[in-house]
Amino acid sequence: GRFPWRRRIGKEVDSIHITAHKKTPIELWPKEPQSPSSVDGARFEAAIGELCMGISAKRKTKYAKLVLDESRRFEVDPFLLAALMYDQSKCWPHTPKREIRLNRYGMTRISHTMHAPHFRKGVYQYFLRENGEFKAHTLAVGEYPFNKSTARKPASNLYFSAAILSVLEDQDTMLH
């Protein structure tokens, strides 16, 4: 049947990562380690500095604080959010023209076309299967408007990326 939502289809999402990962059977992947229950801010900032080589001390402090704050706000793993930031942009805050042409913005390269239909008036709407039916759920995301301009800025980009990760984790728990 039809789903009660517009599908998140990222036609502009690169398949290079998908292709590389398909070559390794998932049963050979090591189990992901649990993140610590509390994160030492100074050590996390130092780790961001190591990960994001070449950034200024001011940016290192800013990015570490943003990642930790937004991870706490949306209850997602700060190490996952930092890894996404590094993997997608090498912590570079500017969006290159190639990425803009593909509608991917900011340090985590949020796909605007994939997520925009789900953000309305400060709410991210998503669906979970409950008792054999899809039920609408919402996540408050009113700190910034979701648009291409805000998706480019580090603070709002990490805010929305943490929110999206939160929704994806919520949906993933329903599958297992």
N, C-alpha and C. Protein backbone atom coordinates (compact mmCIF):
# COMPACT_ATOMS: atom_id res chain seq x y z
N GLY A 1 0.82 -1.20 0.00
CA GLY A 1 0.00 0.00 0.00
C GLY A 1 0.85 1.25 0.00
N ARG A 2 0.18 2.36 0.07
CA ARG A 2 0.88 3.65 0.08
C ARG A 2 1.30 4.00 1.49
N PHE A 3 2.41 4.65 1.59
CA PHE A 3 2.89 5.12 2.89
C PHE A 3 2.29 6.49 3.16
N PRO A 4 2.07 6.84 4.43
CA PRO A 4 1.44 8.13 4.76
C PRO A 4 2.41 9.30 4.77
N TRP A 5 3.55 9.17 4.13
CA TRP A 5 4.53 10.24 4.12
C TRP A 5 5.21 10.31 2.76
N ARG A 6 5.87 11.43 2.54
CA ARG A 6 6.69 11.56 1.34
C ARG A 6 8.04 10.92 1.65
N ARG A 7 8.46 10.00 0.83
CA ARG A 7 9.70 9.26 1.08
C ARG A 7 10.91 10.18 1.08
N ARG A 8 11.86 9.86 1.97
CA ARG A 8 13.15 10.57 1.99
C ARG A 8 14.03 9.88 0.96
N ILE A 9 14.08 10.44 -0.21
CA ILE A 9 14.91 9.87 -1.26
C ILE A 9 15.95 10.91 -1.62
N GLY A 10 17.21 10.56 -1.40
CA GLY A 10 18.30 11.48 -1.71
C GLY A 10 18.94 11.11 -3.03
N LYS A 11 18.37 11.61 -4.10
CA LYS A 11 18.94 11.29 -5.41
C LYS A 11 20.35 11.84 -5.55
N GLU A 12 20.65 12.86 -4.75
CA GLU A 12 21.95 13.48 -4.84
C GLU A 12 22.97 12.87 -3.88
N VAL A 13 22.59 11.83 -3.16
CA VAL A 13 23.49 11.19 -2.21
C VAL A 13 24.48 10.31 -2.96
N ASP A 14 25.76 10.49 -2.66
CA ASP A 14 26.78 9.69 -3.32
C ASP A 14 26.65 8.23 -2.94
N SER A 15 26.93 7.37 -3.87
CA SER A 15 26.85 5.94 -3.58
C SER A 15 28.23 5.36 -3.30
N ILE A 16 29.27 6.19 -3.29
CA ILE A 16 30.62 5.66 -3.09
C ILE A 16 30.74 4.94 -1.75
N HIS A 17 30.17 5.50 -0.69
CA HIS A 17 30.25 4.85 0.62
C HIS A 17 29.46 3.55 0.61
N ILE A 18 28.30 3.58 0.01
CA ILE A 18 27.45 2.39 -0.04
C ILE A 18 28.16 1.27 -0.78
N THR A 19 28.75 1.58 -1.92
CA THR A 19 29.45 0.58 -2.71
C THR A 19 30.62 0.00 -1.94
N ALA A 20 31.39 0.84 -1.27
CA ALA A 20 32.54 0.37 -0.51
C ALA A 20 32.11 -0.55 0.62
N HIS A 21 31.03 -0.21 1.30
CA HIS A 21 30.58 -1.03 2.42
C HIS A 21 29.94 -2.34 1.98
N LYS A 22 29.38 -2.38 0.79
CA LYS A 22 28.75 -3.61 0.30
C LYS A 22 29.78 -4.71 0.07
N LYS A 23 31.03 -4.33 -0.11
CA LYS A 23 32.06 -5.32 -0.39
C LYS A 23 32.43 -6.13 0.85
N THR A 24 32.11 -5.61 2.03
CA THR A 24 32.43 -6.31 3.28
C THR A 24 31.15 -6.85 3.88
N PRO A 25 31.06 -8.16 4.04
CA PRO A 25 29.85 -8.72 4.66
C PRO A 25 29.66 -8.14 6.07
N ILE A 26 28.44 -7.78 6.40
CA ILE A 26 28.16 -7.11 7.67
C ILE A 26 28.55 -7.95 8.88
N GLU A 27 28.50 -9.26 8.75
CA GLU A 27 28.88 -10.10 9.90
C GLU A 27 30.37 -10.00 10.22
N LEU A 28 31.15 -9.48 9.29
CA LEU A 28 32.58 -9.28 9.55
C LEU A 28 32.88 -7.92 10.20
N TRP A 29 31.91 -7.03 10.22
CA TRP A 29 32.12 -5.72 10.82
C TRP A 29 32.25 -5.88 12.33
N PRO A 30 33.16 -5.18 12.95
CA PRO A 30 33.24 -5.25 14.41
C PRO A 30 32.03 -4.57 15.05
N LYS A 31 31.67 -5.03 16.23
CA LYS A 31 30.56 -4.41 16.95
C LYS A 31 30.96 -2.99 17.34
N GLU A 32 30.02 -2.06 17.15
CA GLU A 32 30.29 -0.67 17.53
C GLU A 32 30.45 -0.57 19.04
N PRO A 33 31.47 0.13 19.50
CA PRO A 33 31.60 0.29 20.95
C PRO A 33 30.53 1.24 21.48
N GLN A 34 30.14 1.03 22.71
CA GLN A 34 29.20 1.93 23.36
C GLN A 34 29.91 3.25 23.63
N SER A 35 29.19 4.34 23.47
CA SER A 35 29.75 5.64 23.82
C SER A 35 29.72 5.77 25.34
N PRO A 36 30.67 6.50 25.89
CA PRO A 36 30.65 6.68 27.34
C PRO A 36 29.39 7.43 27.78
N SER A 37 28.94 7.15 29.00
CA SER A 37 27.72 7.79 29.50
C SER A 37 27.93 9.29 29.74
N SER A 38 29.14 9.67 30.03
CA SER A 38 29.45 11.11 30.15
C SER A 38 30.70 11.39 29.35
N VAL A 39 30.76 12.57 28.80
CA VAL A 39 31.86 12.95 27.93
C VAL A 39 32.63 14.09 28.59
N ASP A 40 33.92 13.92 28.70
CA ASP A 40 34.79 14.97 29.23
C ASP A 40 34.94 16.03 28.14
N GLY A 41 34.43 17.23 28.40
CA GLY A 41 34.43 18.30 27.40
C GLY A 41 35.81 18.65 26.89
N ALA A 42 36.80 18.71 27.78
CA ALA A 42 38.17 19.07 27.37
C ALA A 42 38.76 17.99 26.47
N ARG A 43 38.55 16.74 26.83
CA ARG A 43 39.08 15.64 26.00
C ARG A 43 38.36 15.58 24.66
N PHE A 44 37.05 15.84 24.68
CA PHE A 44 36.28 15.84 23.44
C PHE A 44 36.77 16.97 22.53
N GLU A 45 37.00 18.13 23.10
CA GLU A 45 37.53 19.27 22.31
C GLU A 45 38.89 18.92 21.72
N ALA A 46 39.74 18.28 22.50
CA ALA A 46 41.06 17.87 21.98
C ALA A 46 40.89 16.87 20.84
N ALA A 47 39.92 15.96 20.98
CA ALA A 47 39.67 14.97 19.93
C ALA A 47 39.17 15.64 18.65
N ILE A 48 38.30 16.65 18.80
CA ILE A 48 37.84 17.41 17.63
C ILE A 48 39.03 18.08 16.96
N GLY A 49 39.94 18.61 17.76
CA GLY A 49 41.15 19.23 17.21
C GLY A 49 42.00 18.25 16.41
N GLU A 50 42.10 17.01 16.90
CA GLU A 50 42.85 15.97 16.19
C GLU A 50 42.12 15.55 14.91
N LEU A 51 40.81 15.40 15.03
CA LEU A 51 39.99 14.96 13.90
C LEU A 51 39.98 16.02 12.79
N CYS A 52 39.76 17.24 13.19
CA CYS A 52 39.61 18.36 12.25
C CYS A 52 40.93 19.12 12.14
N MET A 53 41.94 18.46 11.68
CA MET A 53 43.27 19.06 11.61
C MET A 53 43.26 20.39 10.87
N GLY A 54 44.01 21.31 11.40
CA GLY A 54 44.17 22.59 10.73
C GLY A 54 43.16 23.65 11.11
N ILE A 55 42.19 23.33 11.96
CA ILE A 55 41.24 24.37 12.35
C ILE A 55 41.82 25.16 13.52
N SER A 56 41.37 26.37 13.65
CA SER A 56 41.86 27.24 14.73
C SER A 56 41.37 26.74 16.08
N ALA A 57 42.03 27.20 17.13
CA ALA A 57 41.63 26.84 18.49
C ALA A 57 40.20 27.32 18.75
N LYS A 58 39.87 28.49 18.21
CA LYS A 58 38.52 29.04 18.41
C LYS A 58 37.46 28.14 17.77
N ARG A 59 37.72 27.68 16.55
CA ARG A 59 36.77 26.80 15.88
C ARG A 59 36.69 25.44 16.56
N LYS A 60 37.83 24.93 17.02
CA LYS A 60 37.85 23.65 17.73
C LYS A 60 36.92 23.72 18.94
N THR A 61 37.05 24.79 19.71
CA THR A 61 36.20 24.98 20.89
C THR A 61 34.74 25.11 20.48
N LYS A 62 34.48 25.90 19.45
CA LYS A 62 33.11 26.13 18.99
C LYS A 62 32.46 24.83 18.51
N TYR A 63 33.16 24.08 17.67
CA TYR A 63 32.59 22.86 17.11
C TYR A 63 32.37 21.80 18.19
N ALA A 64 33.31 21.66 19.10
CA ALA A 64 33.15 20.69 20.18
C ALA A 64 31.92 21.04 21.02
N LYS A 65 31.77 22.32 21.34
CA LYS A 65 30.62 22.75 22.14
C LYS A 65 29.31 22.52 21.38
N LEU A 66 29.28 22.88 20.10
CA LEU A 66 28.07 22.66 19.31
C LEU A 66 27.70 21.19 19.24
N VAL A 67 28.67 20.35 18.97
CA VAL A 67 28.40 18.91 18.86
C VAL A 67 27.88 18.37 20.19
N LEU A 68 28.53 18.74 21.28
CA LEU A 68 28.08 18.25 22.59
C LEU A 68 26.70 18.79 22.95
N ASP A 69 26.48 20.08 22.72
CA ASP A 69 25.18 20.67 23.05
C ASP A 69 24.04 20.06 22.25
N GLU A 70 24.22 19.92 20.95
CA GLU A 70 23.14 19.39 20.12
C GLU A 70 22.94 17.89 20.35
N SER A 71 24.02 17.19 20.64
CA SER A 71 23.89 15.77 20.96
C SER A 71 23.08 15.57 22.23
N ARG A 72 23.33 16.41 23.23
CA ARG A 72 22.56 16.34 24.47
C ARG A 72 21.09 16.68 24.22
N ARG A 73 20.89 17.77 23.47
CA ARG A 73 19.52 18.24 23.20
C ARG A 73 18.67 17.14 22.56
N PHE A 74 19.23 16.44 21.58
CA PHE A 74 18.46 15.43 20.84
C PHE A 74 18.79 14.00 21.25
N GLU A 75 19.58 13.86 22.31
CA GLU A 75 19.93 12.56 22.87
C GLU A 75 20.53 11.61 21.83
N VAL A 76 21.54 12.12 21.12
CA VAL A 76 22.26 11.29 20.16
C VAL A 76 23.73 11.22 20.56
N ASP A 77 24.40 10.26 20.03
CA ASP A 77 25.81 10.02 20.33
C ASP A 77 26.66 11.17 19.77
N PRO A 78 27.37 11.92 20.63
CA PRO A 78 28.19 13.02 20.13
C PRO A 78 29.32 12.55 19.22
N PHE A 79 29.78 11.32 19.44
CA PHE A 79 30.85 10.79 18.60
C PHE A 79 30.33 10.50 17.19
N LEU A 80 29.08 10.07 17.10
CA LEU A 80 28.46 9.84 15.80
C LEU A 80 28.28 11.17 15.06
N LEU A 81 27.80 12.19 15.75
CA LEU A 81 27.61 13.50 15.12
C LEU A 81 28.95 14.08 14.67
N ALA A 82 29.98 13.96 15.51
CA ALA A 82 31.31 14.45 15.14
C ALA A 82 31.86 13.67 13.95
N ALA A 83 31.64 12.36 13.93
CA ALA A 83 32.11 11.54 12.81
C ALA A 83 31.41 11.95 11.52
N LEU A 84 30.11 12.24 11.59
CA LEU A 84 29.37 12.69 10.42
C LEU A 84 29.93 14.01 9.90
N MET A 85 30.20 14.92 10.83
CA MET A 85 30.77 16.22 10.47
C MET A 85 32.12 16.04 9.77
N TYR A 86 32.94 15.16 10.32
CA TYR A 86 34.25 14.92 9.73
C TYR A 86 34.14 14.20 8.39
N ASP A 87 33.36 13.15 8.34
CA ASP A 87 33.24 12.34 7.13
C ASP A 87 32.72 13.15 5.95
N GLN A 88 31.74 13.99 6.20
CA GLN A 88 31.10 14.70 5.10
C GLN A 88 31.86 15.94 4.64
N SER A 89 32.56 16.62 5.55
CA SER A 89 33.18 17.89 5.14
C SER A 89 34.60 18.10 5.64
N LYS A 90 35.12 17.14 6.38
CA LYS A 90 36.42 17.31 7.05
C LYS A 90 36.38 18.54 7.96
N CYS A 91 35.18 18.82 8.50
CA CYS A 91 34.92 19.92 9.44
C CYS A 91 35.02 21.29 8.78
N TRP A 92 34.90 21.32 7.49
CA TRP A 92 34.97 22.57 6.75
C TRP A 92 33.58 23.20 6.74
N PRO A 93 33.43 24.44 7.26
CA PRO A 93 32.10 25.03 7.41
C PRO A 93 31.47 25.53 6.11
N HIS A 94 32.25 25.74 5.08
CA HIS A 94 31.71 26.27 3.83
C HIS A 94 31.23 25.14 2.92
N THR A 95 30.15 25.42 2.21
CA THR A 95 29.60 24.42 1.30
C THR A 95 30.13 24.71 -0.10
N PRO A 96 30.92 23.80 -0.67
CA PRO A 96 31.43 24.00 -2.03
C PRO A 96 30.30 24.01 -3.06
N LYS A 97 30.56 24.65 -4.19
CA LYS A 97 29.55 24.76 -5.25
C LYS A 97 29.04 23.41 -5.71
N ARG A 98 29.92 22.41 -5.80
CA ARG A 98 29.49 21.07 -6.22
C ARG A 98 28.41 20.54 -5.27
N GLU A 99 28.59 20.75 -3.97
CA GLU A 99 27.62 20.27 -2.99
C GLU A 99 26.32 21.05 -3.10
N ILE A 100 26.41 22.34 -3.35
CA ILE A 100 25.21 23.17 -3.50
C ILE A 100 24.41 22.69 -4.71
N ARG A 101 25.10 22.37 -5.81
CA ARG A 101 24.41 21.85 -7.00
C ARG A 101 23.67 20.55 -6.68
N LEU A 102 24.18 19.80 -5.71
CA LEU A 102 23.55 18.53 -5.31
C LEU A 102 22.58 18.71 -4.15
N ASN A 103 22.34 19.97 -3.76
CA ASN A 103 21.43 20.30 -2.65
C ASN A 103 21.87 19.72 -1.31
N ARG A 104 23.19 19.67 -1.09
CA ARG A 104 23.75 19.21 0.19
C ARG A 104 24.45 20.40 0.83
N TYR A 105 24.15 20.62 2.11
CA TYR A 105 24.61 21.85 2.75
C TYR A 105 25.28 21.63 4.09
N GLY A 106 26.21 22.53 4.38
CA GLY A 106 26.84 22.60 5.69
C GLY A 106 27.85 21.50 5.96
N MET A 107 28.31 21.48 7.19
CA MET A 107 29.38 20.57 7.57
C MET A 107 28.97 19.10 7.53
N THR A 108 27.70 18.81 7.63
CA THR A 108 27.26 17.42 7.56
C THR A 108 26.60 17.10 6.22
N ARG A 109 26.60 18.07 5.33
CA ARG A 109 26.04 17.91 3.98
C ARG A 109 24.60 17.40 4.04
N ILE A 110 23.77 18.11 4.81
CA ILE A 110 22.36 17.77 4.89
C ILE A 110 21.75 17.87 3.50
N SER A 111 21.04 16.84 3.11
CA SER A 111 20.32 16.85 1.84
C SER A 111 19.00 17.60 2.06
N HIS A 112 18.97 18.82 1.57
CA HIS A 112 17.79 19.66 1.78
C HIS A 112 16.56 19.05 1.11
N THR A 113 16.70 18.58 -0.10
CA THR A 113 15.54 18.02 -0.81
C THR A 113 15.01 16.75 -0.15
N MET A 114 15.89 16.00 0.51
CA MET A 114 15.47 14.78 1.17
C MET A 114 14.67 15.07 2.45
N HIS A 115 15.07 16.10 3.19
CA HIS A 115 14.47 16.34 4.50
C HIS A 115 13.46 17.47 4.55
N ALA A 116 13.52 18.41 3.63
CA ALA A 116 12.63 19.58 3.70
C ALA A 116 11.14 19.23 3.80
N PRO A 117 10.65 18.22 3.09
CA PRO A 117 9.21 17.92 3.21
C PRO A 117 8.78 17.49 4.61
N HIS A 118 9.72 17.10 5.44
CA HIS A 118 9.39 16.61 6.78
C HIS A 118 9.50 17.69 7.85
N PHE A 119 10.08 18.83 7.50
CA PHE A 119 10.21 19.96 8.42
C PHE A 119 9.13 20.99 8.09
N ARG A 120 8.25 21.25 9.04
CA ARG A 120 7.21 22.26 8.84
C ARG A 120 6.96 23.00 10.14
N LYS A 121 7.09 24.32 10.09
CA LYS A 121 6.75 25.19 11.23
C LYS A 121 7.38 24.72 12.54
N GLY A 122 8.67 24.43 12.50
CA GLY A 122 9.38 24.06 13.71
C GLY A 122 9.15 22.64 14.19
N VAL A 123 8.63 21.77 13.31
CA VAL A 123 8.35 20.39 13.68
C VAL A 123 8.88 19.46 12.58
N TYR A 124 9.56 18.40 12.99
CA TYR A 124 9.98 17.36 12.07
C TYR A 124 8.98 16.22 12.26
N GLN A 125 8.27 15.87 11.19
CA GLN A 125 7.29 14.79 11.28
C GLN A 125 7.89 13.53 10.68
N TYR A 126 7.69 12.43 11.41
CA TYR A 126 8.16 11.14 10.94
C TYR A 126 7.18 10.07 11.40
N PHE A 127 7.36 8.87 10.89
CA PHE A 127 6.40 7.81 11.16
C PHE A 127 7.10 6.58 11.74
N LEU A 128 6.39 5.93 12.66
CA LEU A 128 6.85 4.68 13.24
C LEU A 128 5.73 3.65 13.08
N ARG A 129 6.12 2.42 12.85
CA ARG A 129 5.13 1.35 12.76
C ARG A 129 4.78 0.91 14.17
N GLU A 130 3.50 0.99 14.48
CA GLU A 130 3.00 0.59 15.79
C GLU A 130 1.75 -0.27 15.60
N ASN A 131 1.80 -1.47 16.13
CA ASN A 131 0.68 -2.40 15.99
C ASN A 131 0.26 -2.59 14.54
N GLY A 132 1.25 -2.69 13.66
CA GLY A 132 0.96 -2.95 12.25
C GLY A 132 0.55 -1.73 11.44
N GLU A 133 0.49 -0.57 12.06
CA GLU A 133 0.11 0.66 11.35
C GLU A 133 1.19 1.72 11.53
N PHE A 134 1.27 2.61 10.56
CA PHE A 134 2.20 3.72 10.68
C PHE A 134 1.53 4.85 11.44
N LYS A 135 2.20 5.32 12.49
CA LYS A 135 1.69 6.42 13.32
C LYS A 135 2.64 7.60 13.20
N ALA A 136 2.04 8.77 13.04
CA ALA A 136 2.83 9.99 12.93
C ALA A 136 3.42 10.37 14.29
N HIS A 137 4.67 10.76 14.27
CA HIS A 137 5.37 11.27 15.45
C HIS A 137 6.00 12.60 15.05
N THR A 138 6.28 13.41 16.05
CA THR A 138 6.91 14.70 15.76
C THR A 138 8.07 14.95 16.70
N LEU A 139 8.98 15.75 16.23
CA LEU A 139 10.12 16.21 17.03
C LEU A 139 10.17 17.72 16.88
N ALA A 140 10.17 18.43 18.00
CA ALA A 140 10.24 19.89 17.97
C ALA A 140 11.63 20.33 17.51
N VAL A 141 11.65 21.14 16.46
CA VAL A 141 12.91 21.64 15.90
C VAL A 141 12.76 23.12 15.54
N GLY A 142 12.25 23.91 16.49
CA GLY A 142 11.94 25.30 16.21
C GLY A 142 13.04 26.31 16.46
N GLU A 143 14.22 25.83 16.80
CA GLU A 143 15.33 26.75 17.10
C GLU A 143 15.72 27.58 15.88
N TYR A 144 15.68 26.97 14.72
CA TYR A 144 16.04 27.63 13.45
C TYR A 144 15.01 27.22 12.40
N PRO A 145 14.79 28.07 11.40
CA PRO A 145 13.97 27.61 10.27
C PRO A 145 14.81 26.63 9.43
N PHE A 146 14.17 25.59 8.90
CA PHE A 146 14.91 24.64 8.08
C PHE A 146 14.88 25.12 6.64
N ASN A 147 16.00 25.64 6.19
CA ASN A 147 16.12 26.06 4.80
C ASN A 147 17.58 25.93 4.37
N LYS A 148 17.84 26.21 3.11
CA LYS A 148 19.19 26.03 2.57
C LYS A 148 20.19 26.96 3.25
N SER A 149 19.75 28.14 3.60
CA SER A 149 20.65 29.10 4.24
C SER A 149 21.07 28.63 5.64
N THR A 150 20.10 28.22 6.45
CA THR A 150 20.46 27.79 7.80
C THR A 150 21.19 26.45 7.79
N ALA A 151 20.91 25.61 6.80
CA ALA A 151 21.60 24.33 6.71
C ALA A 151 23.10 24.51 6.45
N ARG A 152 23.49 25.67 5.96
CA ARG A 152 24.90 25.95 5.67
C ARG A 152 25.70 26.38 6.90
N LYS A 153 25.04 26.91 7.90
CA LYS A 153 25.74 27.49 9.07
C LYS A 153 26.05 26.40 10.09
N PRO A 154 27.26 26.42 10.66
CA PRO A 154 27.64 25.34 11.58
C PRO A 154 26.65 25.07 12.71
N ALA A 155 26.19 26.09 13.41
CA ALA A 155 25.31 25.87 14.56
C ALA A 155 24.00 25.22 14.14
N SER A 156 23.34 25.77 13.15
CA SER A 156 22.05 25.22 12.73
C SER A 156 22.23 23.89 11.99
N ASN A 157 23.32 23.73 11.27
CA ASN A 157 23.58 22.47 10.58
C ASN A 157 23.73 21.33 11.58
N LEU A 158 24.49 21.55 12.63
CA LEU A 158 24.67 20.50 13.63
C LEU A 158 23.38 20.28 14.43
N TYR A 159 22.62 21.32 14.63
CA TYR A 159 21.32 21.22 15.29
C TYR A 159 20.40 20.28 14.49
N PHE A 160 20.24 20.57 13.20
CA PHE A 160 19.37 19.75 12.36
C PHE A 160 19.93 18.34 12.15
N SER A 161 21.24 18.22 12.05
CA SER A 161 21.84 16.90 11.88
C SER A 161 21.59 16.03 13.10
N ALA A 162 21.69 16.61 14.29
CA ALA A 162 21.41 15.87 15.52
C ALA A 162 19.93 15.46 15.56
N ALA A 163 19.05 16.36 15.13
CA ALA A 163 17.62 16.05 15.10
C ALA A 163 17.34 14.90 14.13
N ILE A 164 17.93 14.95 12.96
CA ILE A 164 17.74 13.89 11.96
C ILE A 164 18.28 12.57 12.50
N LEU A 165 19.45 12.60 13.13
CA LEU A 165 19.99 11.37 13.72
C LEU A 165 19.05 10.81 14.78
N SER A 166 18.47 11.69 15.57
CA SER A 166 17.53 11.27 16.61
C SER A 166 16.33 10.54 16.00
N VAL A 167 15.79 11.11 14.94
CA VAL A 167 14.65 10.49 14.26
C VAL A 167 15.06 9.15 13.65
N LEU A 168 16.20 9.11 13.00
CA LEU A 168 16.65 7.86 12.40
C LEU A 168 16.88 6.78 13.45
N GLU A 169 17.42 7.16 14.60
CA GLU A 169 17.61 6.19 15.68
C GLU A 169 16.26 5.70 16.21
N ASP A 170 15.31 6.62 16.33
CA ASP A 170 13.97 6.24 16.79
C ASP A 170 13.34 5.25 15.80
N GLN A 171 13.48 5.54 14.52
CA GLN A 171 12.94 4.63 13.51
C GLN A 171 13.69 3.31 13.50
N ASP A 172 14.98 3.34 13.71
CA ASP A 172 15.78 2.12 13.72
C ASP A 172 15.41 1.20 14.87
N THR A 173 15.10 1.75 16.02
CA THR A 173 14.72 0.91 17.17
C THR A 173 13.42 0.17 16.89
N MET A 174 12.58 0.74 16.05
CA MET A 174 11.33 0.05 15.71
C MET A 174 11.59 -1.14 14.80
N LEU A 175 12.71 -1.15 14.11
CA LEU A 175 13.01 -2.24 13.20
C LEU A 175 13.63 -3.44 13.92
N HIS A 176 14.19 -3.21 15.09
CA HIS A 176 14.91 -4.30 15.80
C HIS A 176 14.17 -4.73 17.03
